[in-house]
PDB file of N, CA and C in Angstrom:
ATOM      1  N   UNK A   1       0.866  -1.172  -0.184  1.00  0.00           N
ATOM      2  CA  UNK A   1       0.004  -0.005   0.077  1.00  0.00           C
ATOM      3  C   UNK A   1       0.880   1.291   0.056  1.00  0.00           C
ATOM      4  N   UNK A   2       1.706   1.194   0.839  1.00  0.00           N
ATOM      5  CA  UNK A   2       2.758   2.462   0.991  1.00  0.00           C
ATOM      6  C   UNK A   2       3.465   2.652  -0.274  1.00  0.00           C
ATOM      7  N   UNK A   3       3.990   1.715  -0.915  1.00  0.00           N
ATOM      8  CA  UNK A   3       4.867   1.710  -2.058  1.00  0.00           C
ATOM      9  C   UNK A   3       3.664   2.418  -3.238  1.00  0.00           C
ATOM     10  N   UNK A   4       2.485   1.993  -3.358  1.00  0.00           N
ATOM     11  CA  UNK A   4       1.654   2.227  -4.370  1.00  0.00           C
ATOM     12  C   UNK A   4       1.359   3.835  -3.901  1.00  0.00           C
ATOM     13  N   UNK A   5       1.187   4.216  -2.787  1.00  0.00           N
ATOM     14  CA  UNK A   5       0.468   5.332  -2.553  1.00  0.00           C
ATOM     15  C   UNK A   5       1.790   6.660  -2.856  1.00  0.00           C
ATOM     16  N   UNK A   6       2.908   6.090  -2.321  1.00  0.00           N
ATOM     17  CA  UNK A   6       4.241   7.152  -2.618  1.00  0.00           C
ATOM     18  C   UNK A   6       4.585   7.089  -3.974  1.00  0.00           C
ATOM     19  N   UNK A   7       4.448   6.115  -4.865  1.00  0.00           N
ATOM     20  CA  UNK A   7       4.722   6.433  -6.277  1.00  0.00           C
ATOM     21  C   UNK A   7       3.693   7.013  -6.987  1.00  0.00           C
ATOM     22  N   UNK A   8       2.306   6.848  -6.753  1.00  0.00           N
ATOM     23  CA  UNK A   8       1.277   7.636  -7.081  1.00  0.00           C
ATOM     24  C   UNK A   8       1.334   9.015  -6.953  1.00  0.00           C
ATOM     25  N   UNK A   9       1.662   9.304  -5.587  1.00  0.00           N
ATOM     26  CA  UNK A   9       1.790  10.852  -5.249  1.00  0.00           C
ATOM     27  C   UNK A   9       2.890  11.411  -6.095  1.00  0.00           C
ATOM     28  N   UNK A  10       4.031  10.665  -6.252  1.00  0.00           N
ATOM     29  CA  UNK A  10       5.357  11.319  -7.116  1.00  0.00           C
ATOM     30  C   UNK A  10       5.312  11.082  -8.518  1.00  0.00           C
ATOM     31  N   UNK A  11       4.655  10.121  -8.910  1.00  0.00           N
ATOM     32  CA  UNK A  11       4.906   9.946 -10.510  1.00  0.00           C
ATOM     33  C   UNK A  11       3.586   9.750 -11.139  1.00  0.00           C
ATOM     34  N   UNK A  12       2.431   9.575 -10.559  1.00  0.00           N
ATOM     35  CA  UNK A  12       1.186   9.283 -11.132  1.00  0.00           C
ATOM     36  C   UNK A  12       0.733   7.689 -11.037  1.00  0.00           C
ATOM     37  N   UNK A  13      -0.292   7.538 -11.397  1.00  0.00           N
ATOM     38  CA  UNK A  13      -1.180   6.168 -11.385  1.00  0.00           C
ATOM     39  C   UNK A  13      -0.509   5.267 -12.342  1.00  0.00           C
ATOM     40  N   UNK A  14       0.002   5.482 -13.498  1.00  0.00           N
ATOM     41  CA  UNK A  14       0.575   4.474 -14.223  1.00  0.00           C
ATOM     42  C   UNK A  14       1.800   4.104 -13.728  1.00  0.00           C
ATOM     43  N   UNK A  15       2.748   4.876 -13.042  1.00  0.00           N
ATOM     44  CA  UNK A  15       3.967   4.392 -12.627  1.00  0.00           C
ATOM     45  C   UNK A  15       3.723   3.660 -11.482  1.00  0.00           C
ATOM     46  N   UNK A  16       2.712   3.888 -10.705  1.00  0.00           N
ATOM     47  CA  UNK A  16       2.293   3.268  -9.582  1.00  0.00           C
ATOM     48  C   UNK A  16       1.853   1.903  -9.731  1.00  0.00           C
ATOM     49  N   UNK A  17       1.025   1.856 -10.571  1.00  0.00           N
ATOM     50  CA  UNK A  17       0.595   0.522 -11.134  1.00  0.00           C
ATOM     51  C   UNK A  17       1.678  -0.270 -11.532  1.00  0.00           C
ATOM     52  N   UNK A  18       2.662   0.037 -12.322  1.00  0.00           N
ATOM     53  CA  UNK A  18       3.998  -0.755 -12.661  1.00  0.00           C
ATOM     54  C   UNK A  18       4.604  -1.037 -11.457  1.00  0.00           C
ATOM     55  N   UNK A  19       4.814  -0.233 -10.554  1.00  0.00           N
ATOM     56  CA  UNK A  19       5.542  -0.540  -9.554  1.00  0.00           C
ATOM     57  C   UNK A  19       4.955  -1.773  -8.512  1.00  0.00           C
ATOM     58  N   UNK A  20       3.614  -1.353  -8.437  1.00  0.00           N
ATOM     59  CA  UNK A  20       2.844  -2.391  -7.800  1.00  0.00           C
ATOM     60  C   UNK A  20       2.889  -3.795  -8.248  1.00  0.00           C
ATOM     61  N   UNK A  21       2.831  -3.873  -9.652  1.00  0.00           N
ATOM     62  CA  UNK A  21       3.056  -5.242 -10.325  1.00  0.00           C
ATOM     63  C   UNK A  21       4.374  -5.749 -10.197  1.00  0.00           C
ATOM     64  N   UNK A  22       5.408  -4.970 -10.106  1.00  0.00           N
ATOM     65  CA  UNK A  22       6.650  -5.433  -9.998  1.00  0.00           C
ATOM     66  C   UNK A  22       6.900  -6.159  -8.540  1.00  0.00           C
ATOM     67  N   UNK A  23       6.455  -5.445  -7.711  1.00  0.00           N
ATOM     68  CA  UNK A  23       6.834  -5.881  -6.354  1.00  0.00           C
ATOM     69  C   UNK A  23       5.845  -6.900  -5.791  1.00  0.00           C
ATOM     70  N   UNK A  24       4.699  -7.305  -6.496  1.00  0.00           N
ATOM     71  CA  UNK A  24       3.730  -8.173  -6.049  1.00  0.00           C
ATOM     72  C   UNK A  24       4.312  -9.379  -5.952  1.00  0.00           C
ATOM     73  N   UNK A  25       5.106  -9.614  -6.452  1.00  0.00           N
ATOM     74  CA  UNK A  25       5.826 -11.157  -6.517  1.00  0.00           C
ATOM     75  C   UNK A  25       6.409 -11.247  -5.084  1.00  0.00           C
ATOM     76  N   UNK A  26       6.740 -10.269  -4.438  1.00  0.00           N
ATOM     77  CA  UNK A  26       7.269 -10.388  -2.964  1.00  0.00           C
ATOM     78  C   UNK A  26       6.221 -10.292  -1.869  1.00  0.00           C
ATOM     79  N   UNK A  27       4.887 -10.170  -2.303  1.00  0.00           N
ATOM     80  CA  UNK A  27       3.946 -10.346  -1.326  1.00  0.00           C
ATOM     81  C   UNK A  27       3.981 -11.759  -0.361  1.00  0.00           C
ATOM     82  N   UNK A  28       3.519 -11.347   0.650  1.00  0.00           N
ATOM     83  CA  UNK A  28       3.677 -12.747   1.696  1.00  0.00           C
ATOM     84  C   UNK A  28       2.207 -12.639   2.423  1.00  0.00           C
ATOM     85  N   UNK A  29       1.696 -13.658   2.708  1.00  0.00           N
ATOM     86  CA  UNK A  29       0.559 -13.785   3.590  1.00  0.00           C
ATOM     87  C   UNK A  29       0.804 -13.749   5.065  1.00  0.00           C
ATOM     88  N   UNK A  30      -0.311 -13.584   5.787  1.00  0.00           N
ATOM     89  CA  UNK A  30       0.346 -13.482   7.529  1.00  0.00           C
ATOM     90  C   UNK A  30      -0.979 -14.315   7.982  1.00  0.00           C
ATOM     91  N   UNK A  31      -0.857 -14.766   9.207  1.00  0.00           N
ATOM     92  CA  UNK A  31      -1.827 -15.575  10.105  1.00  0.00           C
ATOM     93  C   UNK A  31      -2.124 -14.970  11.325  1.00  0.00           C
ATOM     94  N   UNK A  32      -2.873 -15.307  12.008  1.00  0.00           N
ATOM     95  CA  UNK A  32      -3.502 -14.908  13.414  1.00  0.00           C
ATOM     96  C   UNK A  32      -2.309 -14.825  14.419  1.00  0.00           C
ATOM     97  N   UNK A  33      -1.250 -15.728  14.245  1.00  0.00           N
ATOM     98  CA  UNK A  33       0.031 -15.656  15.151  1.00  0.00           C
ATOM     99  C   UNK A  33       0.712 -14.373  14.715  1.00  0.00           C
ATOM    100  N   UNK A  34       0.822 -14.199  13.749  1.00  0.00           N
ATOM    101  CA  UNK A  34       1.741 -13.038  13.184  1.00  0.00           C
ATOM    102  C   UNK A  34       1.022 -11.754  13.654  1.00  0.00           C
ATOM    103  N   UNK A  35      -0.467 -11.510  13.524  1.00  0.00           N
ATOM    104  CA  UNK A  35      -1.363 -10.397  14.125  1.00  0.00           C
ATOM    105  C   UNK A  35      -0.716 -10.324  15.762  1.00  0.00           C
ATOM    106  N   UNK A  36      -1.017 -11.411  16.227  1.00  0.00           N
ATOM    107  CA  UNK A  36      -0.704 -11.216  17.811  1.00  0.00           C
ATOM    108  C   UNK A  36       0.643 -10.939  18.187  1.00  0.00           C
ATOM    109  N   UNK A  37       1.580 -11.527  17.530  1.00  0.00           N
ATOM    110  CA  UNK A  37       2.947 -11.102  17.820  1.00  0.00           C
ATOM    111  C   UNK A  37       3.250  -9.650  17.565  1.00  0.00           C
ATOM    112  N   UNK A  38       2.589  -9.160  16.524  1.00  0.00           N
ATOM    113  CA  UNK A  38       2.595  -7.859  15.928  1.00  0.00           C
ATOM    114  C   UNK A  38       2.353  -7.022  17.109  1.00  0.00           C
ATOM    115  N   UNK A  39       1.049  -7.237  17.733  1.00  0.00           N
ATOM    116  CA  UNK A  39       0.548  -6.163  18.627  1.00  0.00           C
ATOM    117  C   UNK A  39       1.306  -6.454  19.999  1.00  0.00           C
ATOM    118  N   UNK A  40       1.813  -7.497  20.100  1.00  0.00           N
ATOM    119  CA  UNK A  40       2.586  -7.557  21.331  1.00  0.00           C
ATOM    120  C   UNK A  40       3.968  -6.678  21.212  1.00  0.00           C
ATOM    121  N   UNK A  41       4.591  -6.902  20.083  1.00  0.00           N
ATOM    122  CA  UNK A  41       5.500  -6.027  19.898  1.00  0.00           C
ATOM    123  C   UNK A  41       5.366  -4.309  20.014  1.00  0.00           C
ATOM    124  N   UNK A  42       4.148  -4.118  19.375  1.00  0.00           N
ATOM    125  CA  UNK A  42       3.556  -2.762  19.216  1.00  0.00           C
ATOM    126  C   UNK A  42       3.305  -2.332  20.634  1.00  0.00           C
ATOM    127  N   UNK A  43       2.740  -3.134  21.527  1.00  0.00           N
ATOM    128  CA  UNK A  43       2.373  -2.734  22.921  1.00  0.00           C
ATOM    129  C   UNK A  43       3.811  -2.383  23.530  1.00  0.00           C
ATOM    130  N   UNK A  44       4.838  -3.343  23.556  1.00  0.00           N
ATOM    131  CA  UNK A  44       5.862  -3.123  24.185  1.00  0.00           C
ATOM    132  C   UNK A  44       6.765  -2.048  23.840  1.00  0.00           C
ATOM    133  N   UNK A  45       6.747  -1.772  22.358  1.00  0.00           N
ATOM    134  CA  UNK A  45       7.573  -0.445  22.158  1.00  0.00           C
ATOM    135  C   UNK A  45       6.790   0.779  22.473  1.00  0.00           C
ATOM    136  N   UNK A  46       5.262   0.833  22.332  1.00  0.00           N
ATOM    137  CA  UNK A  46       4.742   1.890  22.839  1.00  0.00           C
ATOM    138  C   UNK A  46       5.011   2.374  24.244  1.00  0.00           C
ATOM    139  N   UNK A  47       5.175   1.420  25.034  1.00  0.00           N
ATOM    140  CA  UNK A  47       5.724   1.572  26.531  1.00  0.00           C
ATOM    141  C   UNK A  47       7.176   2.394  26.445  1.00  0.00           C
ATOM    142  N   UNK A  48       7.783   2.169  25.414  1.00  0.00           N
ATOM    143  CA  UNK A  48       8.968   2.705  25.390  1.00  0.00           C
ATOM    144  C   UNK A  48       8.872   4.218  24.597  1.00  0.00           C
ATOM    145  N   UNK A  49       7.741   4.509  24.407  1.00  0.00           N
ATOM    146  CA  UNK A  49       7.421   5.684  23.541  1.00  0.00           C
ATOM    147  C   UNK A  49       7.863   5.705  22.079  1.00  0.00           C
ATOM    148  N   UNK A  50       7.649   4.467  21.476  1.00  0.00           N
ATOM    149  CA  UNK A  50       7.971   4.092  20.112  1.00  0.00           C
ATOM    150  C   UNK A  50       6.709   3.822  19.646  1.00  0.00           C
ATOM    151  N   UNK A  51       6.121   4.676  19.022  1.00  0.00           N
ATOM    152  CA  UNK A  51       4.702   4.639  18.538  1.00  0.00           C
ATOM    153  C   UNK A  51       4.807   4.043  16.918  1.00  0.00           C
ATOM    154  N   UNK A  52       4.030   3.118  16.604  1.00  0.00           N
ATOM    155  CA  UNK A  52       4.090   2.595  15.212  1.00  0.00           C
ATOM    156  C   UNK A  52       2.641   2.254  14.835  1.00  0.00           C
ATOM    157  N   UNK A  53       2.242   2.359  13.565  1.00  0.00           N
ATOM    158  CA  UNK A  53       1.162   1.828  13.218  1.00  0.00           C
ATOM    159  C   UNK A  53       0.894   0.397  13.111  1.00  0.00           C
ATOM    160  N   UNK A  54      -0.250   0.007  13.209  1.00  0.00           N
ATOM    161  CA  UNK A  54      -0.693  -1.378  13.255  1.00  0.00           C
ATOM    162  C   UNK A  54      -0.113  -1.894  11.796  1.00  0.00           C
ATOM    163  N   UNK A  55      -0.145  -1.486  10.733  1.00  0.00           N
ATOM    164  CA  UNK A  55       0.386  -1.886   9.626  1.00  0.00           C
ATOM    165  C   UNK A  55       1.693  -2.097   9.441  1.00  0.00           C
ATOM    166  N   UNK A  56       2.504  -1.269  10.082  1.00  0.00           N
ATOM    167  CA  UNK A  56       3.994  -1.186  10.467  1.00  0.00           C
ATOM    168  C   UNK A  56       4.405  -2.239  11.307  1.00  0.00           C
ATOM    169  N   UNK A  57       3.813  -2.490  12.298  1.00  0.00           N
ATOM    170  CA  UNK A  57       4.018  -3.620  13.305  1.00  0.00           C
ATOM    171  C   UNK A  57       3.857  -4.708  12.794  1.00  0.00           C
ATOM    172  N   UNK A  58       2.939  -5.197  12.115  1.00  0.00           N
ATOM    173  CA  UNK A  58       2.559  -6.517  10.966  1.00  0.00           C
ATOM    174  C   UNK A  58       3.803  -6.794  10.031  1.00  0.00           C
ATOM    175  N   UNK A  59       4.183  -5.538   9.508  1.00  0.00           N
ATOM    176  CA  UNK A  59       5.447  -5.701   8.364  1.00  0.00           C
ATOM    177  C   UNK A  59       6.638  -6.015   9.045  1.00  0.00           C
ATOM    178  N   UNK A  60       6.838  -5.266  10.245  1.00  0.00           N
ATOM    179  CA  UNK A  60       8.000  -5.681  11.019  1.00  0.00           C
ATOM    180  C   UNK A  60       7.910  -7.170  11.542  1.00  0.00           C
ATOM    181  N   UNK A  61       6.766  -7.444  12.017  1.00  0.00           N
ATOM    182  CA  UNK A  61       6.780  -9.100  12.480  1.00  0.00           C
ATOM    183  C   UNK A  61       6.998  -9.840  11.371  1.00  0.00           C
ATOM    184  N   UNK A  62       6.425  -9.578  10.203  1.00  0.00           N
ATOM    185  CA  UNK A  62       6.586 -10.682   8.930  1.00  0.00           C
ATOM    186  C   UNK A  62       8.137 -10.587   8.554  1.00  0.00           C
ATOM    187  N   UNK A  63       8.786  -9.515   8.435  1.00  0.00           N
ATOM    188  CA  UNK A  63      10.114  -9.337   8.335  1.00  0.00           C
ATOM    189  C   UNK A  63      11.013 -10.335   9.185  1.00  0.00           C
ATOM    190  N   UNK A  64      10.577 -10.110  10.385  1.00  0.00           N
ATOM    191  CA  UNK A  64      11.121 -11.119  11.358  1.00  0.00           C
ATOM    192  C   UNK A  64      11.109 -12.379  11.042  1.00  0.00           C
ATOM    193  N   UNK A  65       9.837 -12.954  10.782  1.00  0.00           N
ATOM    194  CA  UNK A  65       9.550 -14.285  10.724  1.00  0.00           C
ATOM    195  C   UNK A  65      10.319 -14.635   9.360  1.00  0.00           C
ATOM    196  N   UNK A  66      10.304 -13.906   8.402  1.00  0.00           N
ATOM    197  CA  UNK A  66      10.889 -14.382   7.021  1.00  0.00           C
ATOM    198  C   UNK A  66      12.188 -13.953   6.962  1.00  0.00           C
ATOM    199  N   UNK A  67      12.916 -13.648   8.243  1.00  0.00           N
ATOM    200  CA  UNK A  67      14.235 -13.378   8.182  1.00  0.00           C
ATOM    201  C   UNK A  67      14.715 -12.374   7.049  1.00  0.00           C
ATOM    202  N   UNK A  68      13.893 -11.291   6.863  1.00  0.00           N
ATOM    203  CA  UNK A  68      14.343 -10.358   5.916  1.00  0.00           C
ATOM    204  C   UNK A  68      14.546  -9.006   6.670  1.00  0.00           C
ATOM    205  N   UNK A  69      15.169  -8.026   6.017  1.00  0.00           N
ATOM    206  CA  UNK A  69      15.332  -6.741   6.735  1.00  0.00           C
ATOM    207  C   UNK A  69      14.251  -6.023   6.595  1.00  0.00           C
ATOM    208  N   UNK A  70      13.893  -5.196   7.672  1.00  0.00           N
ATOM    209  CA  UNK A  70      12.702  -4.185   7.383  1.00  0.00           C
ATOM    210  C   UNK A  70      13.033  -2.574   7.040  1.00  0.00           C
ATOM    211  N   UNK A  71      12.819  -2.299   5.840  1.00  0.00           N
ATOM    212  CA  UNK A  71      13.330  -1.250   5.368  1.00  0.00           C
ATOM    213  C   UNK A  71      12.164  -0.068   5.795  1.00  0.00           C
ATOM    214  N   UNK A  72      12.605   1.013   6.563  1.00  0.00           N
ATOM    215  CA  UNK A  72      11.660   2.048   6.993  1.00  0.00           C
ATOM    216  C   UNK A  72      12.407   3.411   7.347  1.00  0.00           C
ATOM    217  N   UNK A  73      11.830   4.409   7.393  1.00  0.00           N
ATOM    218  CA  UNK A  73      12.557   5.846   7.833  1.00  0.00           C
ATOM    219  C   UNK A  73      11.573   6.243   9.023  1.00  0.00           C
ATOM    220  N   UNK A  74      10.797   5.348   9.599  1.00  0.00           N
ATOM    221  CA  UNK A  74      10.021   5.564  10.751  1.00  0.00           C
ATOM    222  C   UNK A  74      10.950   5.346  12.028  1.00  0.00           C
ATOM    223  N   UNK A  75      10.814   6.684  12.565  1.00  0.00           N
ATOM    224  CA  UNK A  75      11.883   6.889  13.989  1.00  0.00           C
ATOM    225  C   UNK A  75      11.358   5.622  14.968  1.00  0.00           C
ATOM    226  N   UNK A  76      10.320   5.335  14.827  1.00  0.00           N
ATOM    227  CA  UNK A  76       9.939   4.206  15.854  1.00  0.00           C
ATOM    228  C   UNK A  76      10.622   2.915  15.703  1.00  0.00           C
ATOM    229  N   UNK A  77      11.155   2.876  14.657  1.00  0.00           N
ATOM    230  CA  UNK A  77      12.078   1.522  14.292  1.00  0.00           C
ATOM    231  C   UNK A  77      13.637   1.807  14.429  1.00  0.00           C
ATOM    232  N   UNK A  78      13.930   3.169  14.756  1.00  0.00           N
ATOM    233  CA  UNK A  78      15.415   3.346  15.112  1.00  0.00           C
ATOM    234  C   UNK A  78      15.959   2.401  15.879  1.00  0.00           C
ATOM    235  N   UNK A  79      17.025   1.843  15.569  1.00  0.00           N
ATOM    236  CA  UNK A  79      18.002   0.919  16.615  1.00  0.00           C
ATOM    237  C   UNK A  79      17.339  -0.354  16.787  1.00  0.00           C
ATOM    238  N   UNK A  80      16.193  -0.643  16.200  1.00  0.00           N
ATOM    239  CA  UNK A  80      15.621  -2.062  16.518  1.00  0.00           C
ATOM    240  C   UNK A  80      16.348  -3.034  15.793  1.00  0.00           C
ATOM    241  N   UNK A  81      16.714  -4.388  16.196  1.00  0.00           N
ATOM    242  CA  UNK A  81      17.101  -5.319  15.283  1.00  0.00           C
ATOM    243  C   UNK A  81      16.459  -5.808  13.927  1.00  0.00           C
ATOM    244  N   UNK A  82      17.189  -6.142  13.030  1.00  0.00           N
ATOM    245  CA  UNK A  82      16.654  -6.502  11.801  1.00  0.00           C
ATOM    246  C   UNK A  82      16.000  -5.387  11.036  1.00  0.00           C
ATOM    247  N   UNK A  83      16.403  -4.019  11.255  1.00  0.00           N
ATOM    248  CA  UNK A  83      15.733  -2.930  10.555  1.00  0.00           C
ATOM    249  C   UNK A  83      16.948  -2.129   9.657  1.00  0.00           C
ATOM    250  N   UNK A  84      16.477  -1.955   8.549  1.00  0.00           N
ATOM    251  CA  UNK A  84      17.249  -0.994   7.642  1.00  0.00           C
ATOM    252  C   UNK A  84      16.851   0.473   7.778  1.00  0.00           C
ATOM    253  N   UNK A  85      17.379   1.130   8.471  1.00  0.00           N
ATOM    254  CA  UNK A  85      16.669   2.591   8.677  1.00  0.00           C
ATOM    255  C   UNK A  85      17.266   3.508   7.704  1.00  0.00           C
ATOM    256  N   UNK A  86      16.356   4.211   6.986  1.00  0.00           N
ATOM    257  CA  UNK A  86      16.833   5.086   5.801  1.00  0.00           C
ATOM    258  C   UNK A  86      15.862   6.491   6.066  1.00  0.00           C
ATOM    259  N   UNK A  87      16.563   7.400   5.973  1.00  0.00           N
ATOM    260  CA  UNK A  87      15.752   8.665   5.879  1.00  0.00           C
ATOM    261  C   UNK A  87      15.760   9.492   4.617  1.00  0.00           C
TER     262      UNK A  87
END
């Protein structure tokens, strides 16, 4: 969603459609356990004054599950393990 939105905002709907089609191959599903773990992480980090969206918490959980780096520029993820932080 975020990729589509950003490309559409910057380059228009046609480019967003192309980017979406390209990256769709990397989609992954999630299950109930992923949602529960994501919300546990979100709550734990919120107590540390690190607030993240539900979608970002789920994305971070999936990246950990898949052993992939989580690419973000969101300050809530700064210095967390398995995060590639880029501004």
